[in-house]
Amino acid sequence: MILYNTGILFNIRSEYDEAVKSLELSISKNPENVYAYLALGDAYERQDELAKALNVYLDLKGLGIKVHGLKEKIVTLEQKVQAK
């Protein structure tokens, strides 16, 4: 939980590299933390690393946990990645 919260704080402060490090570590410790995946995907999106964000959301989808709006987010990012 501490790593997740630290990642969120870095995200809020626009320190995305640090956010990514904390959130990836959080996920490695607790791979079912849906919120860490969402925050990590957001950090990648804010850095315009759309392919990485898409992979995070696809990993989240692979957990089989229902997340409101996830399918739409994936479709949108797939379109943006293809357009690049």
C-alpha atoms as a PDB file:
ATOM      1  CA  MET A   1       0.000   0.000   0.000  1.00  0.00           C
ATOM      2  CA  ILE A   2       2.859   2.383   0.788  1.00  0.00           C
ATOM      3  CA  LEU A   3       4.392   1.897  -2.668  1.00  0.00           C
ATOM      4  CA  TYR A   4       1.030   2.499  -4.328  1.00  0.00           C
ATOM      5  CA  ASN A   5       0.420   5.675  -2.335  1.00  0.00           C
ATOM      6  CA  THR A   6       3.949   6.887  -3.061  1.00  0.00           C
ATOM      7  CA  GLY A   7       3.328   6.307  -6.767  1.00  0.00           C
ATOM      8  CA  ILE A   8       0.103   8.295  -6.586  1.00  0.00           C
ATOM      9  CA  LEU A   9       1.890  11.195  -4.904  1.00  0.00           C
ATOM     10  CA  PHE A  10       4.610  11.207  -7.563  1.00  0.00           C
ATOM     11  CA  ASN A  11       1.905  11.141 -10.249  1.00  0.00           C
ATOM     12  CA  ILE A  12       0.172  14.135  -8.666  1.00  0.00           C
ATOM     13  CA  ARG A  13       3.493  15.994  -8.536  1.00  0.00           C
ATOM     14  CA  SER A  14       4.091  15.193 -12.245  1.00  0.00           C
ATOM     15  CA  GLU A  15       7.166  13.149 -11.331  1.00  0.00           C
ATOM     16  CA  TYR A  16       6.184  10.369 -13.684  1.00  0.00           C
ATOM     17  CA  ASP A  17       9.456   8.435 -13.779  1.00  0.00           C
ATOM     18  CA  GLU A  18       9.355   8.072 -10.010  1.00  0.00           C
ATOM     19  CA  ALA A  19       5.644   7.241 -10.139  1.00  0.00           C
ATOM     20  CA  VAL A  20       6.327   4.455 -12.622  1.00  0.00           C
ATOM     21  CA  LYS A  21       9.066   2.979 -10.421  1.00  0.00           C
ATOM     22  CA  SER A  22       6.881   2.980  -7.308  1.00  0.00           C
ATOM     23  CA  LEU A  23       3.812   1.649  -9.078  1.00  0.00           C
ATOM     24  CA  GLU A  24       5.685  -1.131 -10.864  1.00  0.00           C
ATOM     25  CA  LEU A  25       7.172  -2.201  -7.551  1.00  0.00           C
ATOM     26  CA  SER A  26       3.724  -2.031  -5.958  1.00  0.00           C
ATOM     27  CA  ILE A  27       2.334  -4.319  -8.663  1.00  0.00           C
ATOM     28  CA  SER A  28       5.218  -6.757  -8.248  1.00  0.00           C
ATOM     29  CA  LYS A  29       4.387  -7.009  -4.536  1.00  0.00           C
ATOM     30  CA  ASN A  30       0.601  -7.167  -5.042  1.00  0.00           C
ATOM     31  CA  PRO A  31      -0.290  -8.155  -8.634  1.00  0.00           C
ATOM     32  CA  GLU A  32      -4.019  -7.854  -7.962  1.00  0.00           C
ATOM     33  CA  ASN A  33      -3.980  -4.172  -7.000  1.00  0.00           C
ATOM     34  CA  VAL A  34      -6.244  -2.851  -9.748  1.00  0.00           C
ATOM     35  CA  TYR A  35      -5.653   0.734  -8.696  1.00  0.00           C
ATOM     36  CA  ALA A  36      -1.884   0.428  -9.110  1.00  0.00           C
ATOM     37  CA  TYR A  37      -2.380  -0.722 -12.712  1.00  0.00           C
ATOM     38  CA  LEU A  38      -4.696   2.182 -13.408  1.00  0.00           C
ATOM     39  CA  ALA A  39      -2.281   4.691 -11.882  1.00  0.00           C
ATOM     40  CA  LEU A  40       0.659   3.161 -13.774  1.00  0.00           C
ATOM     41  CA  GLY A  41      -1.229   3.336 -17.058  1.00  0.00           C
ATOM     42  CA  ASP A  42      -2.086   6.949 -16.297  1.00  0.00           C
ATOM     43  CA  ALA A  43       1.564   7.794 -15.574  1.00  0.00           C
ATOM     44  CA  TYR A  44       2.585   6.314 -18.920  1.00  0.00           C
ATOM     45  CA  GLU A  45      -0.204   8.181 -20.719  1.00  0.00           C
ATOM     46  CA  ARG A  46       0.889  11.470 -19.153  1.00  0.00           C
ATOM     47  CA  GLN A  47       4.379  10.818 -20.542  1.00  0.00           C
ATOM     48  CA  ASP A  48       2.829  10.075 -23.948  1.00  0.00           C
ATOM     49  CA  GLU A  49       4.110   6.496 -23.757  1.00  0.00           C
ATOM     50  CA  LEU A  50       0.866   5.120 -25.102  1.00  0.00           C
ATOM     51  CA  ALA A  51       2.131   1.663 -26.068  1.00  0.00           C
ATOM     52  CA  LYS A  52       3.387   1.103 -22.510  1.00  0.00           C
ATOM     53  CA  ALA A  53       0.089   2.354 -21.088  1.00  0.00           C
ATOM     54  CA  LEU A  54      -1.796   0.010 -23.402  1.00  0.00           C
ATOM     55  CA  ASN A  55       0.300  -2.940 -22.215  1.00  0.00           C
ATOM     56  CA  VAL A  56      -0.463  -2.086 -18.590  1.00  0.00           C
ATOM     57  CA  TYR A  57      -4.193  -1.982 -19.289  1.00  0.00           C
ATOM     58  CA  LEU A  58      -3.991  -5.258 -21.220  1.00  0.00           C
ATOM     59  CA  ASP A  59      -2.197  -6.832 -18.248  1.00  0.00           C
ATOM     60  CA  LEU A  60      -4.989  -5.557 -16.018  1.00  0.00           C
ATOM     61  CA  LYS A  61      -7.605  -7.000 -18.347  1.00  0.00           C
ATOM     62  CA  GLY A  62      -5.760 -10.321 -18.174  1.00  0.00           C
ATOM     63  CA  LEU A  63      -6.415 -10.496 -14.435  1.00  0.00           C
ATOM     64  CA  GLY A  64     -10.077 -11.079 -15.213  1.00  0.00           C
ATOM     65  CA  ILE A  65     -11.229  -8.405 -12.777  1.00  0.00           C
ATOM     66  CA  LYS A  66     -14.039  -6.208 -14.084  1.00  0.00           C
ATOM     67  CA  VAL A  67     -13.002  -2.581 -14.297  1.00  0.00           C
ATOM     68  CA  HIS A  68     -15.507   0.007 -15.478  1.00  0.00           C
ATOM     69  CA  GLY A  69     -14.385   1.666 -18.709  1.00  0.00           C
ATOM     70  CA  LEU A  70     -11.333  -0.555 -19.223  1.00  0.00           C
ATOM     71  CA  LYS A  71     -12.465  -1.975 -22.571  1.00  0.00           C
ATOM     72  CA  GLU A  72     -13.109   1.505 -23.929  1.00  0.00           C
ATOM     73  CA  LYS A  73      -9.740   2.731 -22.641  1.00  0.00           C
ATOM     74  CA  ILE A  74      -7.987  -0.148 -24.418  1.00  0.00           C
ATOM     75  CA  VAL A  75      -9.804   0.494 -27.703  1.00  0.00           C
ATOM     76  CA  THR A  76      -8.978   4.211 -27.565  1.00  0.00           C
ATOM     77  CA  LEU A  77      -5.307   3.580 -26.838  1.00  0.00           C
ATOM     78  CA  GLU A  78      -5.055   0.929 -29.554  1.00  0.00           C
ATOM     79  CA  GLN A  79      -6.333   3.504 -32.039  1.00  0.00           C
ATOM     80  CA  LYS A  80      -3.896   6.159 -30.822  1.00  0.00           C
ATOM     81  CA  VAL A  81      -0.947   3.738 -30.922  1.00  0.00           C
ATOM     82  CA  GLN A  82      -1.807   2.683 -34.461  1.00  0.00           C
ATOM     83  CA  ALA A  83      -2.120   6.327 -35.545  1.00  0.00           C
ATOM     84  CA  LYS A  84       1.426   7.129 -34.329  1.00  0.00           C
END
